[in-house]
Amino acid sequence: MGKVRVTEVVGAYVDTKEAARLLGYTLQHTRLLIRTGQLKAIKFGRDWMIERKSIADFSAQRSMER
């Protein structure tokens, strides 16, 4: 297996505040989406890091529902 660069991993995730801004939701609602499994995230210390792809997928799904 090849080496993974830290910058590649970091660039693939955003913090909760940035995810909320990208989605147009409050921090609380974004955290709810994480807890209910609607956004894929990992816990990094006390903070959640959300996959950029998960945000894009969630946004696309929401657009199709409208």
PDB file of N, CA and C in Angstrom:
ATOM      1  N   MET A   1       0.835  -1.171   0.000  1.00  0.00           N
ATOM      2  CA  MET A   1       0.000   0.000   0.000  1.00  0.00           C
ATOM      3  C   MET A   1       0.885   1.240   0.000  1.00  0.00           C
ATOM      4  N   GLY A   2       0.488   2.301  -0.748  1.00  0.00           N
ATOM      5  CA  GLY A   2       1.282   3.511  -0.833  1.00  0.00           C
ATOM      6  C   GLY A   2       1.155   4.376   0.407  1.00  0.00           C
ATOM      7  N   LYS A   3       2.071   5.296   0.525  1.00  0.00           N
ATOM      8  CA  LYS A   3       2.047   6.217   1.651  1.00  0.00           C
ATOM      9  C   LYS A   3       0.960   7.265   1.440  1.00  0.00           C
ATOM     10  N   VAL A   4       0.327   7.661   2.527  1.00  0.00           N
ATOM     11  CA  VAL A   4      -0.685   8.701   2.480  1.00  0.00           C
ATOM     12  C   VAL A   4      -0.095   9.953   3.106  1.00  0.00           C
ATOM     13  N   ARG A   5      -0.192  11.048   2.419  1.00  0.00           N
ATOM     14  CA  ARG A   5       0.337  12.309   2.933  1.00  0.00           C
ATOM     15  C   ARG A   5      -0.665  12.936   3.898  1.00  0.00           C
ATOM     16  N   VAL A   6      -0.153  13.538   4.945  1.00  0.00           N
ATOM     17  CA  VAL A   6      -1.011  14.193   5.937  1.00  0.00           C
ATOM     18  C   VAL A   6      -1.844  15.280   5.277  1.00  0.00           C
ATOM     19  N   THR A   7      -1.259  16.025   4.350  1.00  0.00           N
ATOM     20  CA  THR A   7      -2.007  17.102   3.693  1.00  0.00           C
ATOM     21  C   THR A   7      -3.178  16.563   2.880  1.00  0.00           C
ATOM     22  N   GLU A   8      -3.044  15.363   2.332  1.00  0.00           N
ATOM     23  CA  GLU A   8      -4.150  14.754   1.595  1.00  0.00           C
ATOM     24  C   GLU A   8      -5.292  14.412   2.539  1.00  0.00           C
ATOM     25  N   VAL A   9      -4.955  13.888   3.698  1.00  0.00           N
ATOM     26  CA  VAL A   9      -5.977  13.521   4.671  1.00  0.00           C
ATOM     27  C   VAL A   9      -6.650  14.768   5.222  1.00  0.00           C
ATOM     28  N   VAL A  10      -5.838  15.745   5.617  1.00  0.00           N
ATOM     29  CA  VAL A  10      -6.386  16.975   6.182  1.00  0.00           C
ATOM     30  C   VAL A  10      -7.271  17.680   5.161  1.00  0.00           C
ATOM     31  N   GLY A  11      -6.861  17.716   3.924  1.00  0.00           N
ATOM     32  CA  GLY A  11      -7.643  18.372   2.882  1.00  0.00           C
ATOM     33  C   GLY A  11      -8.954  17.683   2.580  1.00  0.00           C
ATOM     34  N   ALA A  12      -9.078  16.427   2.955  1.00  0.00           N
ATOM     35  CA  ALA A  12     -10.299  15.671   2.695  1.00  0.00           C
ATOM     36  C   ALA A  12     -11.366  15.910   3.756  1.00  0.00           C
ATOM     37  N   TYR A  13     -11.019  16.635   4.815  1.00  0.00           N
ATOM     38  CA  TYR A  13     -11.940  16.866   5.934  1.00  0.00           C
ATOM     39  C   TYR A  13     -12.052  18.350   6.254  1.00  0.00           C
ATOM     40  N   VAL A  14     -13.190  18.735   6.817  1.00  0.00           N
ATOM     41  CA  VAL A  14     -13.387  20.087   7.337  1.00  0.00           C
ATOM     42  C   VAL A  14     -13.928  19.970   8.756  1.00  0.00           C
ATOM     43  N   ASP A  15     -13.743  21.029   9.546  1.00  0.00           N
ATOM     44  CA  ASP A  15     -14.281  21.002  10.902  1.00  0.00           C
ATOM     45  C   ASP A  15     -15.782  21.284  10.879  1.00  0.00           C
ATOM     46  N   THR A  16     -16.408  21.156  12.015  1.00  0.00           N
ATOM     47  CA  THR A  16     -17.859  21.303  12.111  1.00  0.00           C
ATOM     48  C   THR A  16     -18.308  22.702  11.709  1.00  0.00           C
ATOM     49  N   LYS A  17     -17.550  23.700  12.111  1.00  0.00           N
ATOM     50  CA  LYS A  17     -17.909  25.082  11.784  1.00  0.00           C
ATOM     51  C   LYS A  17     -17.918  25.306  10.279  1.00  0.00           C
ATOM     52  N   GLU A  18     -16.894  24.807   9.597  1.00  0.00           N
ATOM     53  CA  GLU A  18     -16.814  24.960   8.137  1.00  0.00           C
ATOM     54  C   GLU A  18     -17.904  24.149   7.448  1.00  0.00           C
ATOM     55  N   ALA A  19     -18.181  22.947   7.942  1.00  0.00           N
ATOM     56  CA  ALA A  19     -19.252  22.121   7.358  1.00  0.00           C
ATOM     57  C   ALA A  19     -20.593  22.829   7.491  1.00  0.00           C
ATOM     58  N   ALA A  20     -20.848  23.423   8.651  1.00  0.00           N
ATOM     59  CA  ALA A  20     -22.096  24.157   8.863  1.00  0.00           C
ATOM     60  C   ALA A  20     -22.213  25.315   7.877  1.00  0.00           C
ATOM     61  N   ARG A  21     -21.107  26.027   7.687  1.00  0.00           N
ATOM     62  CA  ARG A  21     -21.111  27.146   6.736  1.00  0.00           C
ATOM     63  C   ARG A  21     -21.381  26.668   5.310  1.00  0.00           C
ATOM     64  N   LEU A  22     -20.725  25.580   4.910  1.00  0.00           N
ATOM     65  CA  LEU A  22     -20.913  25.044   3.557  1.00  0.00           C
ATOM     66  C   LEU A  22     -22.338  24.558   3.321  1.00  0.00           C
ATOM     67  N   LEU A  23     -22.932  23.981   4.361  1.00  0.00           N
ATOM     68  CA  LEU A  23     -24.283  23.439   4.238  1.00  0.00           C
ATOM     69  C   LEU A  23     -25.374  24.486   4.463  1.00  0.00           C
ATOM     70  N   GLY A  24     -25.019  25.581   5.102  1.00  0.00           N
ATOM     71  CA  GLY A  24     -26.023  26.600   5.414  1.00  0.00           C
ATOM     72  C   GLY A  24     -26.848  26.252   6.644  1.00  0.00           C
ATOM     73  N   TYR A  25     -26.288  25.441   7.533  1.00  0.00           N
ATOM     74  CA  TYR A  25     -26.959  25.024   8.761  1.00  0.00           C
ATOM     75  C   TYR A  25     -26.241  25.580   9.977  1.00  0.00           C
ATOM     76  N   THR A  26     -26.890  25.502  11.126  1.00  0.00           N
ATOM     77  CA  THR A  26     -26.251  25.884  12.375  1.00  0.00           C
ATOM     78  C   THR A  26     -25.286  24.786  12.805  1.00  0.00           C
ATOM     79  N   LEU A  27     -24.405  25.127  13.742  1.00  0.00           N
ATOM     80  CA  LEU A  27     -23.494  24.124  14.298  1.00  0.00           C
ATOM     81  C   LEU A  27     -24.282  22.983  14.938  1.00  0.00           C
ATOM     82  N   GLN A  28     -25.336  23.333  15.650  1.00  0.00           N
ATOM     83  CA  GLN A  28     -26.128  22.316  16.341  1.00  0.00           C
ATOM     84  C   GLN A  28     -26.764  21.343  15.354  1.00  0.00           C
ATOM     85  N   HIS A  29     -27.308  21.868  14.261  1.00  0.00           N
ATOM     86  CA  HIS A  29     -27.946  20.973  13.281  1.00  0.00           C
ATOM     87  C   HIS A  29     -26.892  20.117  12.570  1.00  0.00           C
ATOM     88  N   THR A  30     -25.745  20.686  12.302  1.00  0.00           N
ATOM     89  CA  THR A  30     -24.658  19.930  11.672  1.00  0.00           C
ATOM     90  C   THR A  30     -24.225  18.786  12.579  1.00  0.00           C
ATOM     91  N   ARG A  31     -24.114  19.055  13.886  1.00  0.00           N
ATOM     92  CA  ARG A  31     -23.762  18.000  14.840  1.00  0.00           C
ATOM     93  C   ARG A  31     -24.840  16.916  14.881  1.00  0.00           C
ATOM     94  N   LEU A  32     -26.099  17.315  14.757  1.00  0.00           N
ATOM     95  CA  LEU A  32     -27.197  16.340  14.709  1.00  0.00           C
ATOM     96  C   LEU A  32     -27.045  15.432  13.486  1.00  0.00           C
ATOM     97  N   LEU A  33     -26.685  16.008  12.353  1.00  0.00           N
ATOM     98  CA  LEU A  33     -26.481  15.215  11.136  1.00  0.00           C
ATOM     99  C   LEU A  33     -25.350  14.211  11.326  1.00  0.00           C
ATOM    100  N   ILE A  34     -24.329  14.590  12.066  1.00  0.00           N
ATOM    101  CA  ILE A  34     -23.223  13.672  12.359  1.00  0.00           C
ATOM    102  C   ILE A  34     -23.708  12.554  13.266  1.00  0.00           C
ATOM    103  N   ARG A  35     -24.403  12.925  14.350  1.00  0.00           N
ATOM    104  CA  ARG A  35     -24.882  11.913  15.314  1.00  0.00           C
ATOM    105  C   ARG A  35     -25.842  10.909  14.679  1.00  0.00           C
ATOM    106  N   THR A  36     -26.648  11.352  13.728  1.00  0.00           N
ATOM    107  CA  THR A  36     -27.614  10.463  13.094  1.00  0.00           C
ATOM    108  C   THR A  36     -27.034   9.719  11.894  1.00  0.00           C
ATOM    109  N   GLY A  37     -25.735   9.962  11.605  1.00  0.00           N
ATOM    110  CA  GLY A  37     -25.069   9.234  10.530  1.00  0.00           C
ATOM    111  C   GLY A  37     -25.324   9.778   9.140  1.00  0.00           C
ATOM    112  N   GLN A  38     -25.936  10.941   9.042  1.00  0.00           N
ATOM    113  CA  GLN A  38     -26.203  11.520   7.724  1.00  0.00           C
ATOM    114  C   GLN A  38     -24.963  12.175   7.122  1.00  0.00           C
ATOM    115  N   LEU A  39     -24.009  12.525   7.986  1.00  0.00           N
ATOM    116  CA  LEU A  39     -22.703  13.017   7.535  1.00  0.00           C
ATOM    117  C   LEU A  39     -21.639  12.099   8.109  1.00  0.00           C
ATOM    118  N   LYS A  40     -20.675  11.714   7.292  1.00  0.00           N
ATOM    119  CA  LYS A  40     -19.579  10.870   7.760  1.00  0.00           C
ATOM    120  C   LYS A  40     -18.508  11.758   8.382  1.00  0.00           C
ATOM    121  N   ALA A  41     -18.147  11.431   9.618  1.00  0.00           N
ATOM    122  CA  ALA A  41     -17.174  12.242  10.338  1.00  0.00           C
ATOM    123  C   ALA A  41     -16.343  11.358  11.257  1.00  0.00           C
ATOM    124  N   ILE A  42     -15.187  11.881  11.622  1.00  0.00           N
ATOM    125  CA  ILE A  42     -14.335  11.201  12.595  1.00  0.00           C
ATOM    126  C   ILE A  42     -14.084  12.163  13.750  1.00  0.00           C
ATOM    127  N   LYS A  43     -13.922  11.600  14.912  1.00  0.00           N
ATOM    128  CA  LYS A  43     -13.631  12.398  16.098  1.00  0.00           C
ATOM    129  C   LYS A  43     -12.123  12.611  16.162  1.00  0.00           C
ATOM    130  N   PHE A  44     -11.707  13.864  16.291  1.00  0.00           N
ATOM    131  CA  PHE A  44     -10.301  14.212  16.384  1.00  0.00           C
ATOM    132  C   PHE A  44     -10.137  15.018  17.660  1.00  0.00           C
ATOM    133  N   GLY A  45      -9.750  14.326  18.730  1.00  0.00           N
ATOM    134  CA  GLY A  45      -9.730  14.985  20.033  1.00  0.00           C
ATOM    135  C   GLY A  45     -11.147  15.275  20.471  1.00  0.00           C
ATOM    136  N   ARG A  46     -11.440  16.526  20.732  1.00  0.00           N
ATOM    137  CA  ARG A  46     -12.801  16.920  21.121  1.00  0.00           C
ATOM    138  C   ARG A  46     -13.652  17.295  19.917  1.00  0.00           C
ATOM    139  N   ASP A  47     -13.040  17.449  18.771  1.00  0.00           N
ATOM    140  CA  ASP A  47     -13.717  17.976  17.596  1.00  0.00           C
ATOM    141  C   ASP A  47     -14.081  16.886  16.597  1.00  0.00           C
ATOM    142  N   TRP A  48     -15.094  17.167  15.816  1.00  0.00           N
ATOM    143  CA  TRP A  48     -15.473  16.293  14.707  1.00  0.00           C
ATOM    144  C   TRP A  48     -14.886  16.859  13.423  1.00  0.00           C
ATOM    145  N   MET A  49     -14.406  15.965  12.575  1.00  0.00           N
ATOM    146  CA  MET A  49     -13.929  16.332  11.244  1.00  0.00           C
ATOM    147  C   MET A  49     -14.813  15.604  10.235  1.00  0.00           C
ATOM    148  N   ILE A  50     -15.425  16.359   9.351  1.00  0.00           N
ATOM    149  CA  ILE A  50     -16.405  15.818   8.413  1.00  0.00           C
ATOM    150  C   ILE A  50     -15.761  15.669   7.044  1.00  0.00           C
ATOM    151  N   GLU A  51     -16.027  14.536   6.395  1.00  0.00           N
ATOM    152  CA  GLU A  51     -15.486  14.292   5.057  1.00  0.00           C
ATOM    153  C   GLU A  51     -16.106  15.273   4.066  1.00  0.00           C
ATOM    154  N   ARG A  52     -15.268  15.903   3.250  1.00  0.00           N
ATOM    155  CA  ARG A  52     -15.780  16.812   2.209  1.00  0.00           C
ATOM    156  C   ARG A  52     -16.724  16.076   1.263  1.00  0.00           C
ATOM    157  N   LYS A  53     -16.389  14.837   0.939  1.00  0.00           N
ATOM    158  CA  LYS A  53     -17.236  14.048   0.039  1.00  0.00           C
ATOM    159  C   LYS A  53     -18.614  13.816   0.653  1.00  0.00           C
ATOM    160  N   SER A  54     -18.649  13.607   1.951  1.00  0.00           N
ATOM    161  CA  SER A  54     -19.912  13.404   2.637  1.00  0.00           C
ATOM    162  C   SER A  54     -20.790  14.652   2.550  1.00  0.00           C
ATOM    163  N   ILE A  55     -20.166  15.824   2.664  1.00  0.00           N
ATOM    164  CA  ILE A  55     -20.910  17.088   2.541  1.00  0.00           C
ATOM    165  C   ILE A  55     -21.468  17.227   1.132  1.00  0.00           C
ATOM    166  N   ALA A  56     -20.643  16.925   0.138  1.00  0.00           N
ATOM    167  CA  ALA A  56     -21.088  17.013  -1.253  1.00  0.00           C
ATOM    168  C   ALA A  56     -22.218  16.026  -1.533  1.00  0.00           C
ATOM    169  N   ASP A  57     -22.089  14.805  -1.039  1.00  0.00           N
ATOM    170  CA  ASP A  57     -23.135  13.793  -1.235  1.00  0.00           C
ATOM    171  C   ASP A  57     -24.433  14.204  -0.555  1.00  0.00           C
ATOM    172  N   PHE A  58     -24.330  14.715   0.669  1.00  0.00           N
ATOM    173  CA  PHE A  58     -25.510  15.135   1.411  1.00  0.00           C
ATOM    174  C   PHE A  58     -26.207  16.282   0.681  1.00  0.00           C
ATOM    175  N   SER A  59     -25.424  17.259   0.204  1.00  0.00           N
ATOM    176  CA  SER A  59     -25.993  18.395  -0.521  1.00  0.00           C
ATOM    177  C   SER A  59     -26.688  17.951  -1.798  1.00  0.00           C
ATOM    178  N   ALA A  60     -26.070  17.023  -2.522  1.00  0.00           N
ATOM    179  CA  ALA A  60     -26.665  16.525  -3.761  1.00  0.00           C
ATOM    180  C   ALA A  60     -27.971  15.793  -3.476  1.00  0.00           C
ATOM    181  N   GLN A  61     -27.986  15.005  -2.419  1.00  0.00           N
ATOM    182  CA  GLN A  61     -29.198  14.275  -2.041  1.00  0.00           C
ATOM    183  C   GLN A  61     -30.307  15.245  -1.675  1.00  0.00           C
ATOM    184  N   ARG A  62     -29.976  16.280  -0.923  1.00  0.00           N
ATOM    185  CA  ARG A  62     -30.972  17.280  -0.517  1.00  0.00           C
ATOM    186  C   ARG A  62     -31.518  18.016  -1.745  1.00  0.00           C
ATOM    187  N   SER A  63     -30.662  18.291  -2.728  1.00  0.00           N
ATOM    188  CA  SER A  63     -31.095  18.984  -3.939  1.00  0.00           C
ATOM    189  C   SER A  63     -32.077  18.134  -4.739  1.00  0.00           C
ATOM    190  N   MET A  64     -31.839  16.830  -4.766  1.00  0.00           N
ATOM    191  CA  MET A  64     -32.727  15.924  -5.502  1.00  0.00           C
ATOM    192  C   MET A  64     -34.088  15.794  -4.826  1.00  0.00           C
ATOM    193  N   GLU A  65     -34.137  15.969  -3.523  1.00  0.00           N
ATOM    194  CA  GLU A  65     -35.397  15.839  -2.782  1.00  0.00           C
ATOM    195  C   GLU A  65     -36.284  17.044  -2.971  1.00  0.00           C
ATOM    196  N   ARG A  66     -35.722  18.160  -3.403  1.00  0.00           N
ATOM    197  CA  ARG A  66     -36.513  19.396  -3.554  1.00  0.00           C
ATOM    198  C   ARG A  66     -37.214  19.467  -4.855  1.00  0.00           C
TER     199      ARG A  66
END
